[in-house]
Amino acid sequence: MEQLKGISVFVEVAEAGGFSAAAERLHLTRSAVGKTIARLEQRLGVRLFHRTTRAQSLTEEGQFFYEHCLRAVEEITRGEALLESGKQEVRGRLRVTMPVLFGRQCAAPILIKLLDEHPHLELDLSFNDRIVDLVDDGFDIAVRNGPLGDYPGLMVRVIAQQRMTVCASPGYLERRGIPAKLEDLEMHDGIVYGRRDRNRTWIFPTNAEPFRQVLPRSRLRLDDLATIADAAAQGVGLAWLPCWLVRDRVASGELRRVLTDIPAVAFDANVVWVKSPAMQPKVRLVIDTLAAKLPALMS
């Protein structure tokens, strides 16, 4: 138990940035915090903090140990929350923000079904393609696609992988031929996604480098993925779109996927929430449900 106490004090000092600040948070004296860290360092046989008269900072060994301790503390907190959630019925209002198209077609139908299973749960679903501030805008959870920046105080979990595909209408492929390799795209018309005079290149993984970027010639640029899919179905050209967006059109024969022998790039679908000592049952329910059911929609 003394070892666990030392670890919790160590994590608090690392996050507070010093012994004094940690002591205030823990309602201990600075001396007690310092002695706890000293005993921990003695037991481990390493120095965890650089000490100056004004501040303390993690050593390289301290940073390594902190990352492992943090995961352990989070797992303990998660276990406590799971036990607590088993005692409580999921209830209350939960505000979730998500991208418009992805949210409407993929995430929202999954979440709406939760209302039948949890009669005391309330959902406020907001559809917006801009990055909102969870705290300032009053949201509990955000669904965000693609690479994320560093947001202090927020937790992130990858819930699915969005694979991209190149597709076109059968009529277009009959007229222009079926591309068999990436170089063939130069001979085709593409329907390009673009905003603010910038076109999004089509990305393909390669063995020689992280990825290869291709931008087909195009007479049509759109800033809406659903409209790009509509234009592709009308035979305007090739389109590079998420598999989940064109899945039904491919199944019906309205669109046909091409270049399927070439590896497809995948982007993370993430959930983001504000870090807290214990996750609320309603927050965990939504995150776990999305993580369990979204991957089946992404292929």
C-alpha atoms as a PDB file:
ATOM      1  CA  MET A   1       0.000   0.000   0.000  1.00  0.00           C
ATOM      2  CA  GLU A   2       2.920   2.349   0.730  1.00  0.00           C
ATOM      3  CA  GLN A   3       4.200   1.683  -2.795  1.00  0.00           C
ATOM      4  CA  LEU A   4       0.844   2.648  -4.276  1.00  0.00           C
ATOM      5  CA  LYS A   5       0.749   5.802  -2.170  1.00  0.00           C
ATOM      6  CA  GLY A   6       4.202   6.764  -3.406  1.00  0.00           C
ATOM      7  CA  ILE A   7       3.169   6.281  -7.015  1.00  0.00           C
ATOM      8  CA  SER A   8       0.045   8.413  -6.654  1.00  0.00           C
ATOM      9  CA  VAL A   9       2.087  11.206  -5.042  1.00  0.00           C
ATOM     10  CA  PHE A  10       4.719  10.909  -7.784  1.00  0.00           C
ATOM     11  CA  VAL A  11       2.077  11.248 -10.530  1.00  0.00           C
ATOM     12  CA  GLU A  12       0.582  14.277  -8.786  1.00  0.00           C
ATOM     13  CA  VAL A  13       3.989  15.997  -8.518  1.00  0.00           C
ATOM     14  CA  ALA A  14       4.729  15.289 -12.189  1.00  0.00           C
ATOM     15  CA  GLU A  15       1.404  16.776 -13.281  1.00  0.00           C
ATOM     16  CA  ALA A  16       1.469  19.714 -10.859  1.00  0.00           C
ATOM     17  CA  GLY A  17       5.015  20.659 -11.827  1.00  0.00           C
ATOM     18  CA  GLY A  18       6.405  20.798  -8.310  1.00  0.00           C
ATOM     19  CA  PHE A  19       6.258  19.606  -4.726  1.00  0.00           C
ATOM     20  CA  SER A  20       4.427  22.661  -3.369  1.00  0.00           C
ATOM     21  CA  ALA A  21       1.632  22.567  -5.941  1.00  0.00           C
ATOM     22  CA  ALA A  22       1.212  18.820  -5.465  1.00  0.00           C
ATOM     23  CA  ALA A  23       1.120  19.248  -1.700  1.00  0.00           C
ATOM     24  CA  GLU A  24      -1.774  21.707  -2.015  1.00  0.00           C
ATOM     25  CA  ARG A  25      -3.710  19.327  -4.250  1.00  0.00           C
ATOM     26  CA  LEU A  26      -3.109  16.371  -1.933  1.00  0.00           C
ATOM     27  CA  HIS A  27      -3.682  18.373   1.284  1.00  0.00           C
ATOM     28  CA  LEU A  28      -0.236  17.370   2.538  1.00  0.00           C
ATOM     29  CA  THR A  29       2.789  19.331   3.648  1.00  0.00           C
ATOM     30  CA  ARG A  30       5.558  19.976   1.146  1.00  0.00           C
ATOM     31  CA  SER A  31       7.891  18.069   3.447  1.00  0.00           C
ATOM     32  CA  ALA A  32       5.652  14.997   3.392  1.00  0.00           C
ATOM     33  CA  VAL A  33       5.543  15.054  -0.405  1.00  0.00           C
ATOM     34  CA  GLY A  34       9.326  15.438  -0.605  1.00  0.00           C
ATOM     35  CA  LYS A  35       9.920  12.531   1.777  1.00  0.00           C
ATOM     36  CA  THR A  36       7.533  10.299  -0.185  1.00  0.00           C
ATOM     37  CA  ILE A  37       9.368  11.032  -3.441  1.00  0.00           C
ATOM     38  CA  ALA A  38      12.735  10.484  -1.750  1.00  0.00           C
ATOM     39  CA  ARG A  39      11.644   7.058  -0.472  1.00  0.00           C
ATOM     40  CA  LEU A  40      10.359   6.155  -3.933  1.00  0.00           C
ATOM     41  CA  GLU A  41      13.656   7.197  -5.545  1.00  0.00           C
ATOM     42  CA  GLN A  42      15.583   5.189  -2.964  1.00  0.00           C
ATOM     43  CA  ARG A  43      13.485   2.098  -3.605  1.00  0.00           C
ATOM     44  CA  LEU A  44      13.834   2.406  -7.393  1.00  0.00           C
ATOM     45  CA  GLY A  45      17.486   3.378  -7.284  1.00  0.00           C
ATOM     46  CA  VAL A  46      17.049   6.284  -9.726  1.00  0.00           C
ATOM     47  CA  ARG A  47      16.539  10.027  -9.519  1.00  0.00           C
ATOM     48  CA  LEU A  48      13.047  10.934 -10.703  1.00  0.00           C
ATOM     49  CA  PHE A  49      13.227  14.747 -10.532  1.00  0.00           C
ATOM     50  CA  HIS A  50      15.714  17.502 -11.252  1.00  0.00           C
ATOM     51  CA  ARG A  51      15.459  19.769  -8.217  1.00  0.00           C
ATOM     52  CA  THR A  52      16.090  23.503  -8.096  1.00  0.00           C
ATOM     53  CA  THR A  53      15.169  26.117  -5.514  1.00  0.00           C
ATOM     54  CA  ARG A  54      12.126  27.121  -7.552  1.00  0.00           C
ATOM     55  CA  ALA A  55      10.850  24.061  -9.388  1.00  0.00           C
ATOM     56  CA  GLN A  56      11.143  20.360 -10.023  1.00  0.00           C
ATOM     57  CA  SER A  57      11.181  18.676 -13.442  1.00  0.00           C
ATOM     58  CA  LEU A  58      11.238  15.046 -14.465  1.00  0.00           C
ATOM     59  CA  THR A  59      14.502  13.341 -15.316  1.00  0.00           C
ATOM     60  CA  GLU A  60      14.628  11.025 -18.314  1.00  0.00           C
ATOM     61  CA  GLU A  61      14.063   8.070 -15.981  1.00  0.00           C
ATOM     62  CA  GLY A  62      11.294   9.991 -14.249  1.00  0.00           C
ATOM     63  CA  GLN A  63       9.507  10.655 -17.546  1.00  0.00           C
ATOM     64  CA  PHE A  64       9.723   6.968 -18.453  1.00  0.00           C
ATOM     65  CA  PHE A  65       8.369   5.930 -15.049  1.00  0.00           C
ATOM     66  CA  TYR A  66       5.618   8.579 -15.161  1.00  0.00           C
ATOM     67  CA  GLU A  67       4.219   7.285 -18.449  1.00  0.00           C
ATOM     68  CA  HIS A  68       3.899   3.784 -17.006  1.00  0.00           C
ATOM     69  CA  CYS A  69       2.504   4.993 -13.689  1.00  0.00           C
ATOM     70  CA  LEU A  70      -0.070   7.137 -15.466  1.00  0.00           C
ATOM     71  CA  ARG A  71      -1.406   4.155 -17.376  1.00  0.00           C
ATOM     72  CA  ALA A  72      -1.599   2.177 -14.136  1.00  0.00           C
ATOM     73  CA  VAL A  73      -3.498   4.956 -12.344  1.00  0.00           C
ATOM     74  CA  GLU A  74      -5.877   5.294 -15.286  1.00  0.00           C
ATOM     75  CA  GLU A  75      -6.557   1.554 -15.246  1.00  0.00           C
ATOM     76  CA  ILE A  76      -7.320   1.669 -11.510  1.00  0.00           C
ATOM     77  CA  THR A  77      -9.637   4.638 -12.059  1.00  0.00           C
ATOM     78  CA  ARG A  78     -11.278   2.829 -14.955  1.00  0.00           C
ATOM     79  CA  GLY A  79     -11.833  -0.245 -12.794  1.00  0.00           C
ATOM     80  CA  GLU A  80     -13.445   1.861 -10.079  1.00  0.00           C
ATOM     81  CA  ALA A  81     -15.690   3.528 -12.659  1.00  0.00           C
ATOM     82  CA  LEU A  82     -16.730   0.160 -14.082  1.00  0.00           C
ATOM     83  CA  LEU A  83     -17.641  -1.074 -10.633  1.00  0.00           C
ATOM     84  CA  GLU A  84     -19.555   2.112  -9.963  1.00  0.00           C
ATOM     85  CA  SER A  85     -21.316   1.938 -13.322  1.00  0.00           C
ATOM     86  CA  GLY A  86     -22.538  -1.533 -12.421  1.00  0.00           C
ATOM     87  CA  LYS A  87     -24.306  -0.054  -9.426  1.00  0.00           C
ATOM     88  CA  GLN A  88     -25.890   2.867 -11.235  1.00  0.00           C
ATOM     89  CA  GLU A  89     -28.342   3.068 -14.065  1.00  0.00           C
ATOM     90  CA  VAL A  90     -27.082   5.159 -16.963  1.00  0.00           C
ATOM     91  CA  ARG A  91     -28.958   8.416 -16.790  1.00  0.00           C
ATOM     92  CA  GLY A  92     -28.667  12.099 -17.529  1.00  0.00           C
ATOM     93  CA  ARG A  93     -27.970  14.357 -20.485  1.00  0.00           C
ATOM     94  CA  LEU A  94     -24.940  13.829 -22.734  1.00  0.00           C
ATOM     95  CA  ARG A  95     -23.860  16.327 -25.394  1.00  0.00           C
ATOM     96  CA  VAL A  96     -21.955  14.912 -28.373  1.00  0.00           C
ATOM     97  CA  THR A  97     -20.491  16.818 -31.342  1.00  0.00           C
ATOM     98  CA  MET A  98     -19.518  15.087 -34.587  1.00  0.00           C
ATOM     99  CA  PRO A  99     -18.765  15.801 -38.269  1.00  0.00           C
ATOM    100  CA  VAL A 100     -21.903  16.357 -40.308  1.00  0.00           C
ATOM    101  CA  LEU A 101     -21.754  13.566 -42.887  1.00  0.00           C
ATOM    102  CA  PHE A 102     -19.942  10.948 -40.816  1.00  0.00           C
ATOM    103  CA  GLY A 103     -22.137  11.684 -37.856  1.00  0.00           C
ATOM    104  CA  ARG A 104     -25.387  11.547 -39.763  1.00  0.00           C
ATOM    105  CA  GLN A 105     -24.577   8.344 -41.639  1.00  0.00           C
ATOM    106  CA  CYS A 106     -22.454   6.384 -39.148  1.00  0.00           C
ATOM    107  CA  ALA A 107     -22.323   7.605 -35.543  1.00  0.00           C
ATOM    108  CA  ALA A 108     -25.802   9.005 -34.924  1.00  0.00           C
ATOM    109  CA  PRO A 109     -27.795   5.854 -35.870  1.00  0.00           C
ATOM    110  CA  ILE A 110     -25.710   3.848 -33.384  1.00  0.00           C
ATOM    111  CA  LEU A 111     -26.211   6.340 -30.575  1.00  0.00           C
ATOM    112  CA  ILE A 112     -29.925   6.837 -31.160  1.00  0.00           C
ATOM    113  CA  LYS A 113     -30.509   3.104 -30.566  1.00  0.00           C
ATOM    114  CA  LEU A 114     -29.099   3.535 -27.061  1.00  0.00           C
ATOM    115  CA  LEU A 115     -32.206   5.480 -26.082  1.00  0.00           C
ATOM    116  CA  ASP A 116     -34.308   2.302 -26.349  1.00  0.00           C
ATOM    117  CA  GLU A 117     -31.940   0.407 -24.051  1.00  0.00           C
ATOM    118  CA  HIS A 118     -31.451   3.214 -21.510  1.00  0.00           C
ATOM    119  CA  PRO A 119     -34.719   5.058 -20.836  1.00  0.00           C
ATOM    120  CA  HIS A 120     -33.111   7.610 -18.494  1.00  0.00           C
ATOM    121  CA  LEU A 121     -30.383   8.652 -20.959  1.00  0.00           C
ATOM    122  CA  GLU A 122     -30.747  11.943 -22.846  1.00  0.00           C
ATOM    123  CA  LEU A 123     -28.662  12.742 -25.947  1.00  0.00           C
ATOM    124  CA  ASP A 124     -27.937  16.111 -27.531  1.00  0.00           C
ATOM    125  CA  LEU A 125     -26.244  15.382 -30.881  1.00  0.00           C
ATOM    126  CA  SER A 126     -24.654  18.317 -32.712  1.00  0.00           C
ATOM    127  CA  PHE A 127     -23.393  18.082 -36.300  1.00  0.00           C
ATOM    128  CA  ASN A 128     -20.562  20.449 -37.157  1.00  0.00           C
ATOM    129  CA  ASP A 129     -17.408  20.107 -39.253  1.00  0.00           C
ATOM    130  CA  ARG A 130     -15.450  22.676 -37.258  1.00  0.00           C
ATOM    131  CA  ILE A 131     -13.308  21.708 -34.261  1.00  0.00           C
ATOM    132  CA  VAL A 132     -15.242  22.798 -31.192  1.00  0.00           C
ATOM    133  CA  ASP A 133     -13.840  23.448 -27.732  1.00  0.00           C
ATOM    134  CA  LEU A 134     -15.417  20.821 -25.494  1.00  0.00           C
ATOM    135  CA  VAL A 135     -15.195  22.911 -22.346  1.00  0.00           C
ATOM    136  CA  ASP A 136     -16.141  26.319 -23.760  1.00  0.00           C
ATOM    137  CA  ASP A 137     -18.938  24.920 -25.938  1.00  0.00           C
ATOM    138  CA  GLY A 138     -20.267  22.594 -23.254  1.00  0.00           C
ATOM    139  CA  PHE A 139     -19.818  19.203 -24.929  1.00  0.00           C
ATOM    140  CA  ASP A 140     -19.054  15.937 -23.165  1.00  0.00           C
ATOM    141  CA  ILE A 141     -17.702  14.016 -26.172  1.00  0.00           C
ATOM    142  CA  ALA A 142     -16.447  14.850 -29.654  1.00  0.00           C
ATOM    143  CA  VAL A 143     -16.116  12.483 -32.603  1.00  0.00           C
ATOM    144  CA  ARG A 144     -13.205  13.627 -34.763  1.00  0.00           C
ATOM    145  CA  ASN A 145     -11.675  12.137 -37.893  1.00  0.00           C
ATOM    146  CA  GLY A 146      -8.063  12.125 -39.025  1.00  0.00           C
ATOM    147  CA  PRO A 147      -4.887  13.230 -37.243  1.00  0.00           C
ATOM    148  CA  LEU A 148      -5.355  15.146 -34.017  1.00  0.00           C
ATOM    149  CA  GLY A 149      -3.222  17.852 -32.477  1.00  0.00           C
ATOM    150  CA  ASP A 150      -2.108  17.983 -28.881  1.00  0.00           C
ATOM    151  CA  TYR A 151      -4.956  19.113 -26.651  1.00  0.00           C
ATOM    152  CA  PRO A 152      -3.953  19.306 -22.964  1.00  0.00           C
ATOM    153  CA  GLY A 153      -6.568  17.998 -20.597  1.00  0.00           C
ATOM    154  CA  LEU A 154      -8.319  15.837 -23.196  1.00  0.00           C
ATOM    155  CA  MET A 155      -8.382  12.074 -23.609  1.00  0.00           C
ATOM    156  CA  VAL A 156      -8.445  10.376 -27.026  1.00  0.00           C
ATOM    157  CA  ARG A 157      -9.480   6.889 -28.088  1.00  0.00           C
ATOM    158  CA  VAL A 158      -9.335   5.491 -31.626  1.00  0.00           C
ATOM    159  CA  ILE A 159     -12.667   3.810 -32.304  1.00  0.00           C
ATOM    160  CA  ALA A 160     -12.393   2.820 -35.984  1.00  0.00           C
ATOM    161  CA  GLN A 161     -10.297   3.012 -39.142  1.00  0.00           C
ATOM    162  CA  GLN A 162     -11.795   4.737 -42.199  1.00  0.00           C
ATOM    163  CA  ARG A 163     -10.462   3.169 -45.372  1.00  0.00           C
ATOM    164  CA  MET A 164     -10.546   5.146 -48.595  1.00  0.00           C
ATOM    165  CA  THR A 165     -11.396   3.768 -52.042  1.00  0.00           C
ATOM    166  CA  VAL A 166     -11.364   4.910 -55.671  1.00  0.00           C
ATOM    167  CA  CYS A 167     -14.665   4.373 -57.435  1.00  0.00           C
ATOM    168  CA  ALA A 168     -16.628   5.348 -60.528  1.00  0.00           C
ATOM    169  CA  SER A 169     -19.878   4.535 -62.283  1.00  0.00           C
ATOM    170  CA  PRO A 170     -20.003   1.491 -64.593  1.00  0.00           C
ATOM    171  CA  GLY A 171     -20.861   3.840 -67.491  1.00  0.00           C
ATOM    172  CA  TYR A 172     -17.734   5.953 -66.959  1.00  0.00           C
ATOM    173  CA  LEU A 173     -15.504   2.866 -66.737  1.00  0.00           C
ATOM    174  CA  GLU A 174     -17.028   1.473 -69.921  1.00  0.00           C
ATOM    175  CA  ARG A 175     -16.224   4.718 -71.766  1.00  0.00           C
ATOM    176  CA  ARG A 176     -12.792   5.437 -70.315  1.00  0.00           C
ATOM    177  CA  GLY A 177     -11.469   2.052 -69.235  1.00  0.00           C
ATOM    178  CA  ILE A 178     -10.606   0.624 -65.829  1.00  0.00           C
ATOM    179  CA  PRO A 179      -7.398   1.895 -64.194  1.00  0.00           C
ATOM    180  CA  ALA A 180      -5.118  -0.955 -63.123  1.00  0.00           C
ATOM    181  CA  LYS A 181      -2.288   1.019 -61.514  1.00  0.00           C
ATOM    182  CA  LEU A 182      -1.762   4.456 -60.034  1.00  0.00           C
ATOM    183  CA  GLU A 183      -0.089   5.747 -63.186  1.00  0.00           C
ATOM    184  CA  ASP A 184      -3.337   5.091 -65.071  1.00  0.00           C
ATOM    185  CA  LEU A 185      -5.039   7.849 -63.064  1.00  0.00           C
ATOM    186  CA  GLU A 186      -3.250  10.418 -65.228  1.00  0.00           C
ATOM    187  CA  MET A 187      -5.462   9.345 -68.145  1.00  0.00           C
ATOM    188  CA  HIS A 188      -8.707   9.780 -66.199  1.00  0.00           C
ATOM    189  CA  ASP A 189     -10.896  12.600 -64.957  1.00  0.00           C
ATOM    190  CA  GLY A 190     -11.186  12.940 -61.211  1.00  0.00           C
ATOM    191  CA  ILE A 191     -13.770  14.604 -59.015  1.00  0.00           C
ATOM    192  CA  VAL A 192     -11.656  16.510 -56.508  1.00  0.00           C
ATOM    193  CA  TYR A 193     -12.414  17.671 -52.986  1.00  0.00           C
ATOM    194  CA  GLY A 194     -11.222  21.220 -52.449  1.00  0.00           C
ATOM    195  CA  ARG A 195     -11.611  24.162 -50.083  1.00  0.00           C
ATOM    196  CA  ARG A 196     -10.108  27.642 -50.089  1.00  0.00           C
ATOM    197  CA  ASP A 197      -8.261  27.078 -53.370  1.00  0.00           C
ATOM    198  CA  ARG A 198      -6.618  23.931 -52.020  1.00  0.00           C
ATOM    199  CA  ASN A 199      -7.306  20.504 -53.493  1.00  0.00           C
ATOM    200  CA  ARG A 200      -7.041  17.354 -51.409  1.00  0.00           C
ATOM    201  CA  THR A 201      -4.610  14.901 -52.979  1.00  0.00           C
ATOM    202  CA  TRP A 202      -5.400  11.205 -53.136  1.00  0.00           C
ATOM    203  CA  ILE A 203      -3.081   9.281 -50.814  1.00  0.00           C
ATOM    204  CA  PHE A 204      -1.839   5.718 -51.273  1.00  0.00           C
ATOM    205  CA  PRO A 205       0.600   3.803 -49.031  1.00  0.00           C
ATOM    206  CA  THR A 206       3.787   2.528 -50.671  1.00  0.00           C
ATOM    207  CA  ASN A 207       6.691   0.331 -49.602  1.00  0.00           C
ATOM    208  CA  ALA A 208       9.338   2.902 -50.512  1.00  0.00           C
ATOM    209  CA  GLU A 209       7.896   5.869 -48.611  1.00  0.00           C
ATOM    210  CA  PRO A 210       5.083   6.684 -46.152  1.00  0.00           C
ATOM    211  CA  PHE A 211       2.584   7.419 -48.914  1.00  0.00           C
ATOM    212  CA  ARG A 212       2.224   8.536 -52.507  1.00  0.00           C
ATOM    213  CA  GLN A 213       0.123  11.564 -53.404  1.00  0.00           C
ATOM    214  CA  VAL A 214      -1.857  11.681 -56.642  1.00  0.00           C
ATOM    215  CA  LEU A 215      -4.060  14.479 -57.961  1.00  0.00           C
ATOM    216  CA  PRO A 216      -5.933  13.530 -61.170  1.00  0.00           C
ATOM    217  CA  ARG A 217      -6.900  16.212 -63.642  1.00  0.00           C
ATOM    218  CA  SER A 218     -10.320  17.538 -62.868  1.00  0.00           C
ATOM    219  CA  ARG A 219     -12.994  19.828 -64.247  1.00  0.00           C
ATOM    220  CA  LEU A 220     -15.112  19.518 -61.099  1.00  0.00           C
ATOM    221  CA  ARG A 221     -14.101  20.462 -57.575  1.00  0.00           C
ATOM    222  CA  LEU A 222     -16.519  20.158 -54.654  1.00  0.00           C
ATOM    223  CA  ASP A 223     -16.311  20.714 -50.918  1.00  0.00           C
ATOM    224  CA  ASP A 224     -18.915  18.109 -49.993  1.00  0.00           C
ATOM    225  CA  LEU A 225     -18.184  14.369 -50.031  1.00  0.00           C
ATOM    226  CA  ALA A 226     -21.795  13.332 -50.555  1.00  0.00           C
ATOM    227  CA  THR A 227     -22.036  15.492 -53.675  1.00  0.00           C
ATOM    228  CA  ILE A 228     -18.785  13.994 -54.960  1.00  0.00           C
ATOM    229  CA  ALA A 229     -20.378  10.561 -54.619  1.00  0.00           C
ATOM    230  CA  ASP A 230     -23.453  11.826 -56.505  1.00  0.00           C
ATOM    231  CA  ALA A 231     -21.276  13.177 -59.317  1.00  0.00           C
ATOM    232  CA  ALA A 232     -19.348   9.909 -59.549  1.00  0.00           C
ATOM    233  CA  ALA A 233     -22.628   7.988 -59.830  1.00  0.00           C
ATOM    234  CA  GLN A 234     -23.610  10.316 -62.703  1.00  0.00           C
ATOM    235  CA  GLY A 235     -20.459   9.292 -64.607  1.00  0.00           C
ATOM    236  CA  VAL A 236     -18.446  12.518 -64.236  1.00  0.00           C
ATOM    237  CA  GLY A 237     -15.230  10.731 -63.270  1.00  0.00           C
ATOM    238  CA  LEU A 238     -13.308   8.824 -60.638  1.00  0.00           C
ATOM    239  CA  ALA A 239     -13.756   9.702 -56.967  1.00  0.00           C
ATOM    240  CA  TRP A 240     -11.621   9.006 -53.882  1.00  0.00           C
ATOM    241  CA  LEU A 241     -14.025   8.529 -50.995  1.00  0.00           C
ATOM    242  CA  PRO A 242     -14.453   6.745 -47.650  1.00  0.00           C
ATOM    243  CA  CYS A 243     -15.676   3.171 -48.028  1.00  0.00           C
ATOM    244  CA  TRP A 244     -18.536   3.796 -45.585  1.00  0.00           C
ATOM    245  CA  LEU A 245     -19.890   6.588 -47.785  1.00  0.00           C
ATOM    246  CA  VAL A 246     -20.113   4.517 -50.989  1.00  0.00           C
ATOM    247  CA  ARG A 247     -20.851   1.089 -49.456  1.00  0.00           C
ATOM    248  CA  ASP A 248     -24.563   1.057 -50.395  1.00  0.00           C
ATOM    249  CA  ARG A 249     -23.931   2.465 -53.872  1.00  0.00           C
ATOM    250  CA  VAL A 250     -21.302  -0.216 -54.524  1.00  0.00           C
ATOM    251  CA  ALA A 251     -23.655  -2.937 -53.279  1.00  0.00           C
ATOM    252  CA  SER A 252     -26.407  -1.729 -55.624  1.00  0.00           C
ATOM    253  CA  GLY A 253     -24.035  -1.515 -58.613  1.00  0.00           C
ATOM    254  CA  GLU A 254     -24.384   2.245 -58.933  1.00  0.00           C
ATOM    255  CA  LEU A 255     -20.657   2.622 -58.269  1.00  0.00           C
ATOM    256  CA  ARG A 256     -17.769   0.241 -58.808  1.00  0.00           C
ATOM    257  CA  ARG A 257     -14.550   0.215 -56.806  1.00  0.00           C
ATOM    258  CA  VAL A 258     -11.273   0.145 -58.755  1.00  0.00           C
ATOM    259  CA  LEU A 259      -7.586  -0.221 -57.885  1.00  0.00           C
ATOM    260  CA  THR A 260      -8.607  -2.708 -55.198  1.00  0.00           C
ATOM    261  CA  ASP A 261      -5.248  -4.516 -55.444  1.00  0.00           C
ATOM    262  CA  ILE A 262      -3.465  -1.377 -54.243  1.00  0.00           C
ATOM    263  CA  PRO A 263      -3.319  -0.866 -50.453  1.00  0.00           C
ATOM    264  CA  ALA A 264      -5.807   1.721 -49.251  1.00  0.00           C
ATOM    265  CA  VAL A 265      -4.946   4.450 -46.790  1.00  0.00           C
ATOM    266  CA  ALA A 266      -6.920   4.505 -43.547  1.00  0.00           C
ATOM    267  CA  PHE A 267      -7.657   7.451 -41.262  1.00  0.00           C
ATOM    268  CA  ASP A 268      -8.450   7.180 -37.574  1.00  0.00           C
ATOM    269  CA  ALA A 269     -11.923   7.905 -36.271  1.00  0.00           C
ATOM    270  CA  ASN A 270     -11.504   9.177 -32.708  1.00  0.00           C
ATOM    271  CA  VAL A 271     -13.550  10.079 -29.694  1.00  0.00           C
ATOM    272  CA  VAL A 272     -12.279  12.901 -27.496  1.00  0.00           C
ATOM    273  CA  TRP A 273     -13.433  13.759 -23.995  1.00  0.00           C
ATOM    274  CA  VAL A 274     -12.313  15.862 -21.056  1.00  0.00           C
ATOM    275  CA  LYS A 275      -9.999  14.065 -18.677  1.00  0.00           C
ATOM    276  CA  SER A 276     -11.478  13.485 -15.225  1.00  0.00           C
ATOM    277  CA  PRO A 277     -10.592  11.387 -12.172  1.00  0.00           C
ATOM    278  CA  ALA A 278     -13.440   8.969 -12.945  1.00  0.00           C
ATOM    279  CA  MET A 279     -15.356   8.543 -16.188  1.00  0.00           C
ATOM    280  CA  GLN A 280     -19.109   8.930 -15.905  1.00  0.00           C
ATOM    281  CA  PRO A 281     -21.067   5.778 -16.836  1.00  0.00           C
ATOM    282  CA  LYS A 282     -22.952   7.586 -19.622  1.00  0.00           C
ATOM    283  CA  VAL A 283     -19.676   8.768 -21.178  1.00  0.00           C
ATOM    284  CA  ARG A 284     -18.167   5.284 -21.037  1.00  0.00           C
ATOM    285  CA  LEU A 285     -21.348   3.776 -22.494  1.00  0.00           C
ATOM    286  CA  VAL A 286     -21.271   6.025 -25.560  1.00  0.00           C
ATOM    287  CA  ILE A 287     -17.537   5.586 -26.172  1.00  0.00           C
ATOM    288  CA  ASP A 288     -17.620   1.788 -25.763  1.00  0.00           C
ATOM    289  CA  THR A 289     -20.701   1.498 -27.976  1.00  0.00           C
ATOM    290  CA  LEU A 290     -19.114   3.492 -30.797  1.00  0.00           C
ATOM    291  CA  ALA A 291     -15.873   1.514 -30.497  1.00  0.00           C
ATOM    292  CA  ALA A 292     -17.773  -1.768 -30.685  1.00  0.00           C
ATOM    293  CA  LYS A 293     -20.108  -0.980 -33.586  1.00  0.00           C
ATOM    294  CA  LEU A 294     -18.416   1.571 -35.845  1.00  0.00           C
ATOM    295  CA  PRO A 295     -15.678  -0.717 -37.285  1.00  0.00           C
ATOM    296  CA  ALA A 296     -18.298  -2.896 -38.999  1.00  0.00           C
ATOM    297  CA  LEU A 297     -19.479   0.154 -40.977  1.00  0.00           C
ATOM    298  CA  MET A 298     -16.033   1.228 -42.170  1.00  0.00           C
ATOM    299  CA  SER A 299     -15.239  -1.503 -44.714  1.00  0.00           C
END
